[in-house]
Amino acid sequence: MQDEPESEEQWCARCRVQVADYLRLEGVKHGRIGEWPAWHVTHCVSIWAIESLARPGAIGWWVICGDLPTDYISSAEVRPPQHPRKAVRVIAERWRKQAEAWSEGRDYEDVRISGSQSHRELAPLLDARAKLLLKWINDDSLWEDR
C-alpha cells in the first residue's frame, strides 16, 4: 500500500484542523497546536499537545480526536511529567465515569454534547471508546519510542 504514508499524513492534517476548530468553538485560549499528534493510531485516535498561552513552550492542553468524540483537558489534570499516554488515560477514565452516569440517567459535571442523541443513547458508545482507549493505554507495544 504505497498510499499509506500519505493517507496517514492527510488524516493527521484533518485531525489538526478539527482540533483547531474545536478549540475555537470551545473558546479555549491557547498557543500553538503541535504540527503532528503527540500519539496516534491512524484513522482511530490522535492526541495533540497544545501550547499554553500563560507559559509559552509548555503544554497547556491536551486534545483527543479521531473516530471518537473530540475532547480536551487541561495539562494540570495530567500529573508531571506531561506525556500523551497519561493524557489519554485521564480522558478515557473521565469518559468511563461519564458513560456510567449517563446510563444511570444522571448528568455528569458540566458536559455538553452536540446533536440530537440523548445521553442514554450515547453512553454505550462513549463507554466502548473509553474501554478501547484504556486497553490501548495498557499495551506497551503501542507506546514504544513515543
Protein backbone atom coordinates (compact mmCIF):
# COMPACT_ATOMS: atom_id res chain seq x y z
CA MET A 1 0.00 0.00 0.00
CA GLN A 2 2.08 2.88 -1.26
CA ASP A 3 -0.59 5.41 -0.33
CA GLU A 4 -0.47 4.51 3.37
CA PRO A 5 2.06 7.20 4.47
CA GLU A 6 0.17 9.87 2.51
CA SER A 7 -3.08 8.64 3.97
CA GLU A 8 -1.65 8.94 7.46
CA GLU A 9 -0.42 12.47 6.72
CA GLN A 10 -3.79 13.50 5.31
CA TRP A 11 -5.65 12.01 8.26
CA CYS A 12 -3.39 13.75 10.78
CA ALA A 13 -3.74 17.04 8.90
CA ARG A 14 -7.55 16.73 9.03
CA CYS A 15 -7.38 15.97 12.75
CA ARG A 16 -5.19 19.02 13.33
CA VAL A 17 -7.78 21.23 11.60
CA GLN A 18 -10.52 19.56 13.66
CA VAL A 19 -8.56 20.28 16.85
CA ALA A 20 -8.16 23.96 15.91
CA ASP A 21 -11.85 24.29 15.05
CA TYR A 22 -12.87 22.54 18.27
CA LEU A 23 -10.69 24.76 20.47
CA ARG A 24 -12.06 27.85 18.74
CA LEU A 25 -15.65 26.62 19.24
CA GLU A 26 -14.98 25.87 22.91
CA GLY A 27 -13.35 29.28 23.42
CA VAL A 28 -10.07 27.81 24.66
CA LYS A 29 -7.29 30.36 24.50
CA HIS A 30 -4.10 28.58 23.57
CA GLY A 31 -0.75 28.82 21.87
CA ARG A 32 0.50 26.64 19.06
CA ILE A 33 -1.02 23.30 18.14
CA GLY A 34 1.54 20.58 17.52
CA GLU A 35 2.33 20.01 13.85
CA TRP A 36 1.93 16.27 14.41
CA PRO A 37 -0.04 14.38 17.07
CA ALA A 38 1.83 13.50 20.24
CA TRP A 39 0.47 9.98 19.69
CA HIS A 40 -1.97 8.42 17.26
CA VAL A 41 -3.42 5.30 15.74
CA THR A 42 -4.24 6.35 12.19
CA HIS A 43 -7.95 6.54 11.41
CA CYS A 44 -8.84 5.87 15.06
CA VAL A 45 -7.42 8.31 17.58
CA SER A 46 -4.95 11.16 17.93
CA ILE A 47 -3.85 13.12 20.98
CA TRP A 48 -2.46 16.62 20.48
CA ALA A 49 -0.27 18.72 22.76
CA ILE A 50 -1.44 22.33 22.80
CA GLU A 51 0.84 25.13 23.94
CA SER A 52 -0.07 27.21 26.97
CA LEU A 53 -0.53 30.94 26.46
CA ALA A 54 0.48 31.60 30.07
CA ARG A 55 3.66 29.52 29.79
CA PRO A 56 4.93 29.62 26.19
CA GLY A 57 6.77 26.43 25.28
CA ALA A 58 4.84 24.38 27.87
CA ILE A 59 1.85 22.15 27.28
CA GLY A 60 -1.34 23.84 28.43
CA TRP A 61 -3.94 21.47 27.00
CA TRP A 62 -4.37 18.01 25.54
CA VAL A 63 -6.95 17.40 22.81
CA ILE A 64 -8.16 14.00 21.62
CA CYS A 65 -9.89 13.47 18.29
CA GLY A 66 -10.46 10.86 15.62
CA ASP A 67 -13.16 8.20 15.38
CA LEU A 68 -14.42 9.23 18.80
CA PRO A 69 -15.63 12.42 20.45
CA THR A 70 -13.28 15.37 20.30
CA ASP A 71 -12.48 16.44 23.84
CA TYR A 72 -9.85 18.35 25.76
CA ILE A 73 -8.32 18.56 29.21
CA SER A 74 -6.05 20.99 30.94
CA SER A 75 -2.47 19.81 31.30
CA ALA A 76 -2.95 20.42 35.04
CA GLU A 77 -5.06 17.23 35.07
CA VAL A 78 -2.05 15.22 33.85
CA ARG A 79 0.50 14.65 36.57
CA PRO A 80 4.04 15.56 35.60
CA PRO A 81 5.82 14.63 33.58
CA GLN A 82 3.45 15.51 30.77
CA HIS A 83 3.01 12.53 28.47
CA PRO A 84 0.34 11.71 25.87
CA ARG A 85 -0.26 8.28 27.44
CA LYS A 86 -1.18 9.91 30.73
CA ALA A 87 -3.43 12.43 28.97
CA VAL A 88 -5.31 9.67 27.12
CA ARG A 89 -5.75 7.81 30.42
CA VAL A 90 -7.29 10.87 32.10
CA ILE A 91 -9.70 11.38 29.20
CA ALA A 92 -10.64 7.68 28.98
CA GLU A 93 -11.30 7.44 32.72
CA ARG A 94 -13.44 10.57 32.60
CA TRP A 95 -15.41 9.16 29.66
CA ARG A 96 -15.96 5.88 31.53
CA LYS A 97 -17.38 7.76 34.54
CA GLN A 98 -19.43 9.96 32.24
CA ALA A 99 -20.90 6.96 30.40
CA GLU A 100 -21.76 5.30 33.71
CA ALA A 101 -23.58 8.39 34.94
CA TRP A 102 -25.44 8.81 31.65
CA SER A 103 -26.53 5.17 31.56
CA GLU A 104 -27.98 5.67 35.05
CA GLY A 105 -29.82 8.78 33.87
CA ARG A 106 -27.59 11.20 35.77
CA ASP A 107 -25.82 14.28 34.42
CA TYR A 108 -22.06 14.32 34.60
CA GLU A 109 -20.35 17.52 35.66
CA ASP A 110 -20.57 20.32 33.08
CA VAL A 111 -20.56 18.18 29.95
CA ARG A 112 -22.18 19.39 26.75
CA ILE A 113 -22.77 17.32 23.66
CA SER A 114 -23.97 18.48 20.29
CA GLY A 115 -26.54 16.65 18.23
CA SER A 116 -29.92 15.19 18.92
CA GLN A 117 -28.96 11.93 20.61
CA SER A 118 -29.72 11.57 24.30
CA HIS A 119 -27.13 10.85 26.94
CA ARG A 120 -28.59 7.35 27.42
CA GLU A 121 -28.15 6.64 23.70
CA LEU A 122 -24.58 7.93 23.70
CA ALA A 123 -23.49 6.24 26.94
CA PRO A 124 -22.72 2.81 25.40
CA LEU A 125 -20.77 4.40 22.55
CA LEU A 126 -18.72 6.56 24.90
CA ASP A 127 -18.12 3.61 27.22
CA ALA A 128 -16.89 1.48 24.31
CA ARG A 129 -14.44 4.18 23.22
CA ALA A 130 -13.22 4.63 26.80
CA LYS A 131 -12.62 0.89 27.23
CA LEU A 132 -10.75 0.69 23.92
CA LEU A 133 -8.53 3.62 24.91
CA LEU A 134 -7.82 2.04 28.29
CA LYS A 135 -6.89 -1.22 26.54
CA TRP A 136 -4.51 0.67 24.25
CA ILE A 137 -3.02 2.58 27.18
CA ASN A 138 -2.07 -0.72 28.78
CA ASP A 139 -0.48 -2.05 25.57
CA ASP A 140 3.19 -1.10 25.81
CA SER A 141 3.79 -2.06 22.16
CA LEU A 142 1.66 0.91 21.08
CA TRP A 143 3.80 3.31 23.09
CA GLU A 144 7.33 2.24 22.25
CA ASP A 145 9.59 5.10 21.19
CA ARG A 146 6.85 7.64 21.85
